[in-house]
Amino acid sequence: MRTEGEIATNTDPTGPWSLVVPLKPLARAKSRLARAVGGDLRPRLALAFARDTVSAALACRAVGDVVVVTDDPVAGAALAALGARTVADTPAAGLNAALEHGARSALARRGGAAVAVLNADLPALRTDELARVLEFSSAFPRAFVADAQGIGTTFLSATPGVELRPGFGGASRARHLASGAVEIGLPGLDSVRRDVDTGDDLAAALALGVGRFTAGLTAPAAPAADR
């Protein structure tokens, strides 16, 4: 492991898990957040969320690889600088196709790895909480974590040799349950569940404590809650 400033990066390629992190082009990312923070700050926050998410993931000893699927060159360069691998969304067929593409890329390099999808908008992500999720997931063919609202999904895993079968978007918790994935109901996973789409979500993440990239953009003043 190497430390760069406040970023701890796991450089051991033998970790059992490869994580796939999808990120829209920054010009389109987190559109619902603009109401609370303004159009200029919104794309910068989207990138900060992703940088904090990837930093926490790379610091986890169970993670050997983080693959970011994005067509944004600025975001790709920033996340590659942290130690992630970036691949273009060549399917260009929506989120779930991008996730399957990312999983194939991960397995092409590390064929024996377990693969998991992790949302890019988890700025409060704690490495120890992610480690608990990965440890739990290793006992099941497929497992997932629902978001804080209990409607969507922030994490989906598949053990080696098992198809990922992502069903992200909207009411994805119900789809993942119906597909046979095991829901991870461990206590104390607030940072893994706390994705950020709105000003209220951001306020909740700030209350948990966000990573340094998000903190650097939000320290002067917290955003107004959605009305």
C-alpha atoms as a PDB file:
ATOM      1  CA  MET A   1       0.000   0.000   0.000  1.00  0.00           C
ATOM      2  CA  ARG A   2       1.208   3.499  -0.776  1.00  0.00           C
ATOM      3  CA  THR A   3       0.106   6.777   0.767  1.00  0.00           C
ATOM      4  CA  GLU A   4      -0.226   9.903  -1.339  1.00  0.00           C
ATOM      5  CA  GLY A   5      -1.109  12.829   0.886  1.00  0.00           C
ATOM      6  CA  GLU A   6      -4.280  11.690   2.548  1.00  0.00           C
ATOM      7  CA  ILE A   7      -5.008   8.999  -0.054  1.00  0.00           C
ATOM      8  CA  ALA A   8      -4.174   5.414   0.872  1.00  0.00           C
ATOM      9  CA  THR A   9      -3.957   3.274  -2.253  1.00  0.00           C
ATOM     10  CA  ASN A  10      -3.846  -0.506  -2.212  1.00  0.00           C
ATOM     11  CA  THR A  11      -1.326  -1.518  -4.869  1.00  0.00           C
ATOM     12  CA  ASP A  12      -1.413  -5.258  -4.115  1.00  0.00           C
ATOM     13  CA  PRO A  13      -2.851  -6.934  -7.251  1.00  0.00           C
ATOM     14  CA  THR A  14      -3.720 -10.120  -5.357  1.00  0.00           C
ATOM     15  CA  GLY A  15      -6.818  -8.817  -3.566  1.00  0.00           C
ATOM     16  CA  PRO A  16      -9.763 -11.124  -4.292  1.00  0.00           C
ATOM     17  CA  TRP A  17     -12.185  -8.440  -5.480  1.00  0.00           C
ATOM     18  CA  SER A  18     -12.377  -6.316  -8.616  1.00  0.00           C
ATOM     19  CA  LEU A  19     -14.758  -3.365  -8.323  1.00  0.00           C
ATOM     20  CA  VAL A  20     -16.537  -1.730 -11.247  1.00  0.00           C
ATOM     21  CA  VAL A  21     -17.497   1.923 -10.787  1.00  0.00           C
ATOM     22  CA  PRO A  22     -19.688   3.598 -13.450  1.00  0.00           C
ATOM     23  CA  LEU A  23     -19.513   7.349 -14.005  1.00  0.00           C
ATOM     24  CA  LYS A  24     -21.501   9.439 -16.468  1.00  0.00           C
ATOM     25  CA  PRO A  25     -19.810  12.271 -18.338  1.00  0.00           C
ATOM     26  CA  LEU A  26     -19.562  15.088 -15.810  1.00  0.00           C
ATOM     27  CA  ALA A  27     -21.674  17.433 -17.938  1.00  0.00           C
ATOM     28  CA  ARG A  28     -24.645  15.096 -17.345  1.00  0.00           C
ATOM     29  CA  ALA A  29     -23.850  13.627 -13.942  1.00  0.00           C
ATOM     30  CA  LYS A  30     -25.931  14.371 -10.834  1.00  0.00           C
ATOM     31  CA  SER A  31     -28.477  16.543 -12.661  1.00  0.00           C
ATOM     32  CA  ARG A  32     -30.871  16.505  -9.680  1.00  0.00           C
ATOM     33  CA  LEU A  33     -28.189  18.025  -7.477  1.00  0.00           C
ATOM     34  CA  ALA A  34     -28.063  21.247  -9.500  1.00  0.00           C
ATOM     35  CA  ARG A  35     -31.164  22.538  -7.746  1.00  0.00           C
ATOM     36  CA  ALA A  36     -29.337  22.555  -4.424  1.00  0.00           C
ATOM     37  CA  VAL A  37     -25.767  23.473  -5.391  1.00  0.00           C
ATOM     38  CA  GLY A  38     -26.022  25.240  -8.746  1.00  0.00           C
ATOM     39  CA  GLY A  39     -24.961  24.235 -12.212  1.00  0.00           C
ATOM     40  CA  ASP A  40     -21.310  25.228 -11.866  1.00  0.00           C
ATOM     41  CA  LEU A  41     -20.613  23.211  -8.720  1.00  0.00           C
ATOM     42  CA  ARG A  42     -22.628  20.155  -9.721  1.00  0.00           C
ATOM     43  CA  PRO A  43     -20.086  18.533 -12.118  1.00  0.00           C
ATOM     44  CA  ARG A  44     -17.224  19.316  -9.755  1.00  0.00           C
ATOM     45  CA  LEU A  45     -19.081  17.598  -6.942  1.00  0.00           C
ATOM     46  CA  ALA A  46     -19.846  14.593  -9.160  1.00  0.00           C
ATOM     47  CA  LEU A  47     -16.123  14.155  -9.746  1.00  0.00           C
ATOM     48  CA  ALA A  48     -15.327  14.730  -6.055  1.00  0.00           C
ATOM     49  CA  PHE A  49     -17.840  12.026  -5.070  1.00  0.00           C
ATOM     50  CA  ALA A  50     -16.195   9.597  -7.477  1.00  0.00           C
ATOM     51  CA  ARG A  51     -12.686  10.457  -6.276  1.00  0.00           C
ATOM     52  CA  ASP A  52     -13.673   9.863  -2.645  1.00  0.00           C
ATOM     53  CA  THR A  53     -15.456   6.615  -3.561  1.00  0.00           C
ATOM     54  CA  VAL A  54     -12.516   5.267  -5.557  1.00  0.00           C
ATOM     55  CA  SER A  55      -9.997   6.357  -2.918  1.00  0.00           C
ATOM     56  CA  ALA A  56     -11.855   4.464  -0.196  1.00  0.00           C
ATOM     57  CA  ALA A  57     -12.219   1.391  -2.412  1.00  0.00           C
ATOM     58  CA  LEU A  58      -8.535   1.310  -3.344  1.00  0.00           C
ATOM     59  CA  ALA A  59      -7.587   1.557   0.329  1.00  0.00           C
ATOM     60  CA  CYS A  60      -9.476  -1.679   1.079  1.00  0.00           C
ATOM     61  CA  ARG A  61      -7.139  -4.690   1.340  1.00  0.00           C
ATOM     62  CA  ALA A  62      -9.796  -6.971  -0.129  1.00  0.00           C
ATOM     63  CA  VAL A  63      -9.766  -4.968  -3.363  1.00  0.00           C
ATOM     64  CA  GLY A  64      -7.175  -5.737  -5.999  1.00  0.00           C
ATOM     65  CA  ASP A  65      -8.552  -3.662  -8.864  1.00  0.00           C
ATOM     66  CA  VAL A  66     -10.960  -0.789  -9.470  1.00  0.00           C
ATOM     67  CA  VAL A  67     -12.276  -0.367 -13.020  1.00  0.00           C
ATOM     68  CA  VAL A  68     -14.043   2.920 -13.767  1.00  0.00           C
ATOM     69  CA  VAL A  69     -16.337   2.904 -16.795  1.00  0.00           C
ATOM     70  CA  THR A  70     -16.560   6.447 -18.124  1.00  0.00           C
ATOM     71  CA  ASP A  71     -16.401   8.414 -21.343  1.00  0.00           C
ATOM     72  CA  ASP A  72     -15.326  11.591 -19.553  1.00  0.00           C
ATOM     73  CA  PRO A  73     -11.618  12.291 -20.178  1.00  0.00           C
ATOM     74  CA  VAL A  74     -11.255  14.671 -17.224  1.00  0.00           C
ATOM     75  CA  ALA A  75     -12.839  12.231 -14.792  1.00  0.00           C
ATOM     76  CA  GLY A  76     -10.937   9.328 -16.275  1.00  0.00           C
ATOM     77  CA  ALA A  77      -7.594  11.075 -15.827  1.00  0.00           C
ATOM     78  CA  ALA A  78      -8.391  12.125 -12.245  1.00  0.00           C
ATOM     79  CA  LEU A  79      -9.455   8.627 -11.225  1.00  0.00           C
ATOM     80  CA  ALA A  80      -6.559   6.959 -13.019  1.00  0.00           C
ATOM     81  CA  ALA A  81      -4.238   9.215 -11.031  1.00  0.00           C
ATOM     82  CA  LEU A  82      -5.615   7.595  -7.870  1.00  0.00           C
ATOM     83  CA  GLY A  83      -4.790   4.109  -9.145  1.00  0.00           C
ATOM     84  CA  ALA A  84      -8.014   3.056 -10.881  1.00  0.00           C
ATOM     85  CA  ARG A  85      -8.135   1.607 -14.380  1.00  0.00           C
ATOM     86  CA  THR A  86     -10.491   3.382 -16.762  1.00  0.00           C
ATOM     87  CA  VAL A  87     -12.356   1.940 -19.715  1.00  0.00           C
ATOM     88  CA  ALA A  88     -14.636   3.682 -22.177  1.00  0.00           C
ATOM     89  CA  ASP A  89     -18.322   2.834 -22.296  1.00  0.00           C
ATOM     90  CA  THR A  90     -18.008   1.234 -25.706  1.00  0.00           C
ATOM     91  CA  PRO A  91     -21.387  -0.529 -25.564  1.00  0.00           C
ATOM     92  CA  ALA A  92     -23.049   2.894 -25.135  1.00  0.00           C
ATOM     93  CA  ALA A  93     -26.232   0.996 -24.346  1.00  0.00           C
ATOM     94  CA  GLY A  94     -27.097   2.244 -20.882  1.00  0.00           C
ATOM     95  CA  LEU A  95     -25.912   1.729 -17.337  1.00  0.00           C
ATOM     96  CA  ASN A  96     -26.281  -2.033 -17.030  1.00  0.00           C
ATOM     97  CA  ALA A  97     -24.530  -2.716 -20.325  1.00  0.00           C
ATOM     98  CA  ALA A  98     -21.698  -0.456 -19.133  1.00  0.00           C
ATOM     99  CA  LEU A  99     -21.446  -2.445 -15.902  1.00  0.00           C
ATOM    100  CA  GLU A 100     -21.276  -5.752 -17.737  1.00  0.00           C
ATOM    101  CA  HIS A 101     -18.576  -4.258 -19.980  1.00  0.00           C
ATOM    102  CA  GLY A 102     -16.622  -3.163 -16.909  1.00  0.00           C
ATOM    103  CA  ALA A 103     -16.943  -6.617 -15.379  1.00  0.00           C
ATOM    104  CA  ARG A 104     -15.622  -8.237 -18.560  1.00  0.00           C
ATOM    105  CA  SER A 105     -12.676  -5.846 -18.518  1.00  0.00           C
ATOM    106  CA  ALA A 106     -11.923  -6.720 -14.905  1.00  0.00           C
ATOM    107  CA  LEU A 107     -12.096 -10.451 -15.568  1.00  0.00           C
ATOM    108  CA  ALA A 108      -9.927 -10.160 -18.682  1.00  0.00           C
ATOM    109  CA  ARG A 109      -7.098  -9.056 -16.400  1.00  0.00           C
ATOM    110  CA  ARG A 110      -7.960 -10.963 -13.231  1.00  0.00           C
ATOM    111  CA  GLY A 111      -9.949 -14.015 -14.290  1.00  0.00           C
ATOM    112  CA  GLY A 112     -10.211 -15.537 -10.829  1.00  0.00           C
ATOM    113  CA  ALA A 113     -11.529 -12.419  -9.106  1.00  0.00           C
ATOM    114  CA  ALA A 114     -14.889 -11.863  -7.552  1.00  0.00           C
ATOM    115  CA  VAL A 115     -16.523  -8.805  -9.142  1.00  0.00           C
ATOM    116  CA  ALA A 116     -18.704  -6.126  -7.595  1.00  0.00           C
ATOM    117  CA  VAL A 117     -20.344  -2.931  -8.790  1.00  0.00           C
ATOM    118  CA  LEU A 118     -20.028   0.114  -6.558  1.00  0.00           C
ATOM    119  CA  ASN A 119     -21.846   3.390  -7.175  1.00  0.00           C
ATOM    120  CA  ALA A 120     -19.624   6.386  -7.874  1.00  0.00           C
ATOM    121  CA  ASP A 121     -21.611   8.735  -5.625  1.00  0.00           C
ATOM    122  CA  LEU A 122     -20.630   7.482  -2.163  1.00  0.00           C
ATOM    123  CA  PRO A 123     -18.546  10.401  -0.830  1.00  0.00           C
ATOM    124  CA  ALA A 124     -18.800   9.226   2.792  1.00  0.00           C
ATOM    125  CA  LEU A 125     -17.657   5.665   1.995  1.00  0.00           C
ATOM    126  CA  ARG A 126     -15.666   4.038   4.801  1.00  0.00           C
ATOM    127  CA  THR A 127     -13.093   1.432   3.856  1.00  0.00           C
ATOM    128  CA  ASP A 128     -13.902  -0.719   6.889  1.00  0.00           C
ATOM    129  CA  GLU A 129     -17.602  -0.795   6.011  1.00  0.00           C
ATOM    130  CA  LEU A 130     -16.800  -1.772   2.431  1.00  0.00           C
ATOM    131  CA  ALA A 131     -14.536  -4.540   3.754  1.00  0.00           C
ATOM    132  CA  ARG A 132     -17.421  -5.925   5.830  1.00  0.00           C
ATOM    133  CA  VAL A 133     -19.684  -5.904   2.786  1.00  0.00           C
ATOM    134  CA  LEU A 134     -17.118  -7.741   0.680  1.00  0.00           C
ATOM    135  CA  GLU A 135     -16.487 -10.325   3.402  1.00  0.00           C
ATOM    136  CA  PHE A 136     -20.218 -11.003   3.721  1.00  0.00           C
ATOM    137  CA  SER A 137     -20.652 -11.151  -0.045  1.00  0.00           C
ATOM    138  CA  SER A 138     -17.990 -13.794  -0.458  1.00  0.00           C
ATOM    139  CA  ALA A 139     -20.360 -16.376   1.083  1.00  0.00           C
ATOM    140  CA  PHE A 140     -23.072 -15.921  -1.574  1.00  0.00           C
ATOM    141  CA  PRO A 141     -23.117 -16.221  -5.369  1.00  0.00           C
ATOM    142  CA  ARG A 142     -24.646 -12.757  -5.697  1.00  0.00           C
ATOM    143  CA  ALA A 143     -25.358 -10.125  -3.036  1.00  0.00           C
ATOM    144  CA  PHE A 144     -26.323  -6.467  -2.909  1.00  0.00           C
ATOM    145  CA  VAL A 145     -26.697  -3.429  -0.655  1.00  0.00           C
ATOM    146  CA  ALA A 146     -29.808  -1.286  -0.954  1.00  0.00           C
ATOM    147  CA  ASP A 147     -29.502   2.478  -0.856  1.00  0.00           C
ATOM    148  CA  ALA A 148     -30.508   4.557   2.158  1.00  0.00           C
ATOM    149  CA  GLN A 149     -34.058   4.914   0.825  1.00  0.00           C
ATOM    150  CA  GLY A 150     -34.459   1.171   0.396  1.00  0.00           C
ATOM    151  CA  ILE A 151     -35.404   1.568  -3.268  1.00  0.00           C
ATOM    152  CA  GLY A 152     -32.203   1.528  -5.282  1.00  0.00           C
ATOM    153  CA  THR A 153     -28.892  -0.330  -5.055  1.00  0.00           C
ATOM    154  CA  THR A 154     -25.406   0.946  -4.253  1.00  0.00           C
ATOM    155  CA  PHE A 155     -23.470  -2.367  -4.429  1.00  0.00           C
ATOM    156  CA  LEU A 156     -23.895  -5.663  -6.289  1.00  0.00           C
ATOM    157  CA  SER A 157     -21.478  -8.590  -6.202  1.00  0.00           C
ATOM    158  CA  ALA A 158     -20.824 -11.885  -7.952  1.00  0.00           C
ATOM    159  CA  THR A 159     -18.352 -14.514  -6.792  1.00  0.00           C
ATOM    160  CA  PRO A 160     -15.934 -16.120  -9.286  1.00  0.00           C
ATOM    161  CA  GLY A 161     -17.703 -17.920 -12.107  1.00  0.00           C
ATOM    162  CA  VAL A 162     -21.078 -16.308 -11.342  1.00  0.00           C
ATOM    163  CA  GLU A 163     -22.740 -13.912 -13.790  1.00  0.00           C
ATOM    164  CA  LEU A 164     -23.177 -10.399 -12.362  1.00  0.00           C
ATOM    165  CA  ARG A 165     -26.611  -9.710 -13.928  1.00  0.00           C
ATOM    166  CA  PRO A 166     -26.931  -6.038 -12.913  1.00  0.00           C
ATOM    167  CA  GLY A 167     -30.385  -4.489 -12.788  1.00  0.00           C
ATOM    168  CA  PHE A 168     -29.542  -0.936 -11.738  1.00  0.00           C
ATOM    169  CA  GLY A 169     -31.799   2.065 -12.231  1.00  0.00           C
ATOM    170  CA  GLY A 170     -34.954   3.118 -10.403  1.00  0.00           C
ATOM    171  CA  ALA A 171     -36.385   0.430  -8.135  1.00  0.00           C
ATOM    172  CA  SER A 172     -33.342  -1.824  -8.496  1.00  0.00           C
ATOM    173  CA  ARG A 173     -33.580  -3.296  -4.993  1.00  0.00           C
ATOM    174  CA  ALA A 174     -36.751  -5.152  -5.996  1.00  0.00           C
ATOM    175  CA  ARG A 175     -35.172  -6.343  -9.246  1.00  0.00           C
ATOM    176  CA  HIS A 176     -32.054  -7.634  -7.526  1.00  0.00           C
ATOM    177  CA  LEU A 177     -34.146  -9.443  -4.924  1.00  0.00           C
ATOM    178  CA  ALA A 178     -36.270 -10.999  -7.654  1.00  0.00           C
ATOM    179  CA  SER A 179     -33.123 -12.123  -9.474  1.00  0.00           C
ATOM    180  CA  GLY A 180     -32.047 -14.174  -6.457  1.00  0.00           C
ATOM    181  CA  ALA A 181     -29.335 -11.896  -5.106  1.00  0.00           C
ATOM    182  CA  VAL A 182     -29.030 -11.867  -1.307  1.00  0.00           C
ATOM    183  CA  GLU A 183     -29.668  -8.517   0.347  1.00  0.00           C
ATOM    184  CA  ILE A 184     -26.957  -7.507   2.799  1.00  0.00           C
ATOM    185  CA  GLY A 185     -28.718  -6.324   5.936  1.00  0.00           C
ATOM    186  CA  LEU A 186     -25.733  -5.866   8.210  1.00  0.00           C
ATOM    187  CA  PRO A 187     -25.958  -2.932  10.654  1.00  0.00           C
ATOM    188  CA  GLY A 188     -23.486  -0.087  10.470  1.00  0.00           C
ATOM    189  CA  LEU A 189     -23.250   0.252   6.684  1.00  0.00           C
ATOM    190  CA  ASP A 190     -24.500   3.829   6.470  1.00  0.00           C
ATOM    191  CA  SER A 191     -21.612   5.013   4.324  1.00  0.00           C
ATOM    192  CA  VAL A 192     -22.143   2.225   1.772  1.00  0.00           C
ATOM    193  CA  ARG A 193     -25.850   3.018   1.510  1.00  0.00           C
ATOM    194  CA  ARG A 194     -25.536   6.798   1.312  1.00  0.00           C
ATOM    195  CA  ASP A 195     -25.512   7.693  -2.356  1.00  0.00           C
ATOM    196  CA  VAL A 196     -26.053  11.337  -3.269  1.00  0.00           C
ATOM    197  CA  ASP A 197     -28.619  12.543  -5.799  1.00  0.00           C
ATOM    198  CA  THR A 198     -30.174  15.559  -4.067  1.00  0.00           C
ATOM    199  CA  GLY A 199     -29.290  18.337  -1.672  1.00  0.00           C
ATOM    200  CA  ASP A 200     -30.869  16.388   1.182  1.00  0.00           C
ATOM    201  CA  ASP A 201     -28.723  13.385   0.303  1.00  0.00           C
ATOM    202  CA  LEU A 202     -25.625  15.563   0.320  1.00  0.00           C
ATOM    203  CA  ALA A 203     -26.535  16.996   3.722  1.00  0.00           C
ATOM    204  CA  ALA A 204     -26.901  13.435   5.059  1.00  0.00           C
ATOM    205  CA  ALA A 205     -23.511  12.451   3.601  1.00  0.00           C
ATOM    206  CA  LEU A 206     -21.881  15.529   5.126  1.00  0.00           C
ATOM    207  CA  ALA A 207     -23.343  14.552   8.496  1.00  0.00           C
ATOM    208  CA  LEU A 208     -21.697  11.128   8.169  1.00  0.00           C
ATOM    209  CA  GLY A 209     -18.392  12.725   7.189  1.00  0.00           C
ATOM    210  CA  VAL A 210     -17.242  12.859   3.589  1.00  0.00           C
ATOM    211  CA  GLY A 211     -13.851  12.254   2.019  1.00  0.00           C
ATOM    212  CA  ARG A 212     -11.362  15.024   1.420  1.00  0.00           C
ATOM    213  CA  PHE A 213     -12.302  15.756  -2.188  1.00  0.00           C
ATOM    214  CA  THR A 214     -15.963  16.389  -1.375  1.00  0.00           C
ATOM    215  CA  ALA A 215     -15.068  18.171   1.848  1.00  0.00           C
ATOM    216  CA  GLY A 216     -12.855  20.547  -0.106  1.00  0.00           C
ATOM    217  CA  LEU A 217     -15.830  21.689  -2.177  1.00  0.00           C
ATOM    218  CA  THR A 218     -18.433  21.785   0.578  1.00  0.00           C
ATOM    219  CA  ALA A 219     -16.491  23.172   3.530  1.00  0.00           C
ATOM    220  CA  PRO A 220     -17.388  26.861   2.985  1.00  0.00           C
ATOM    221  CA  ALA A 221     -21.119  26.236   3.257  1.00  0.00           C
ATOM    222  CA  ALA A 222     -23.403  23.238   3.205  1.00  0.00           C
ATOM    223  CA  PRO A 223     -25.998  23.252   0.376  1.00  0.00           C
ATOM    224  CA  ALA A 224     -29.578  24.215   1.007  1.00  0.00           C
ATOM    225  CA  ALA A 225     -31.907  21.240   1.450  1.00  0.00           C
ATOM    226  CA  ASP A 226     -34.306  20.493  -1.397  1.00  0.00           C
ATOM    227  CA  ARG A 227     -37.646  22.162  -1.161  1.00  0.00           C
END
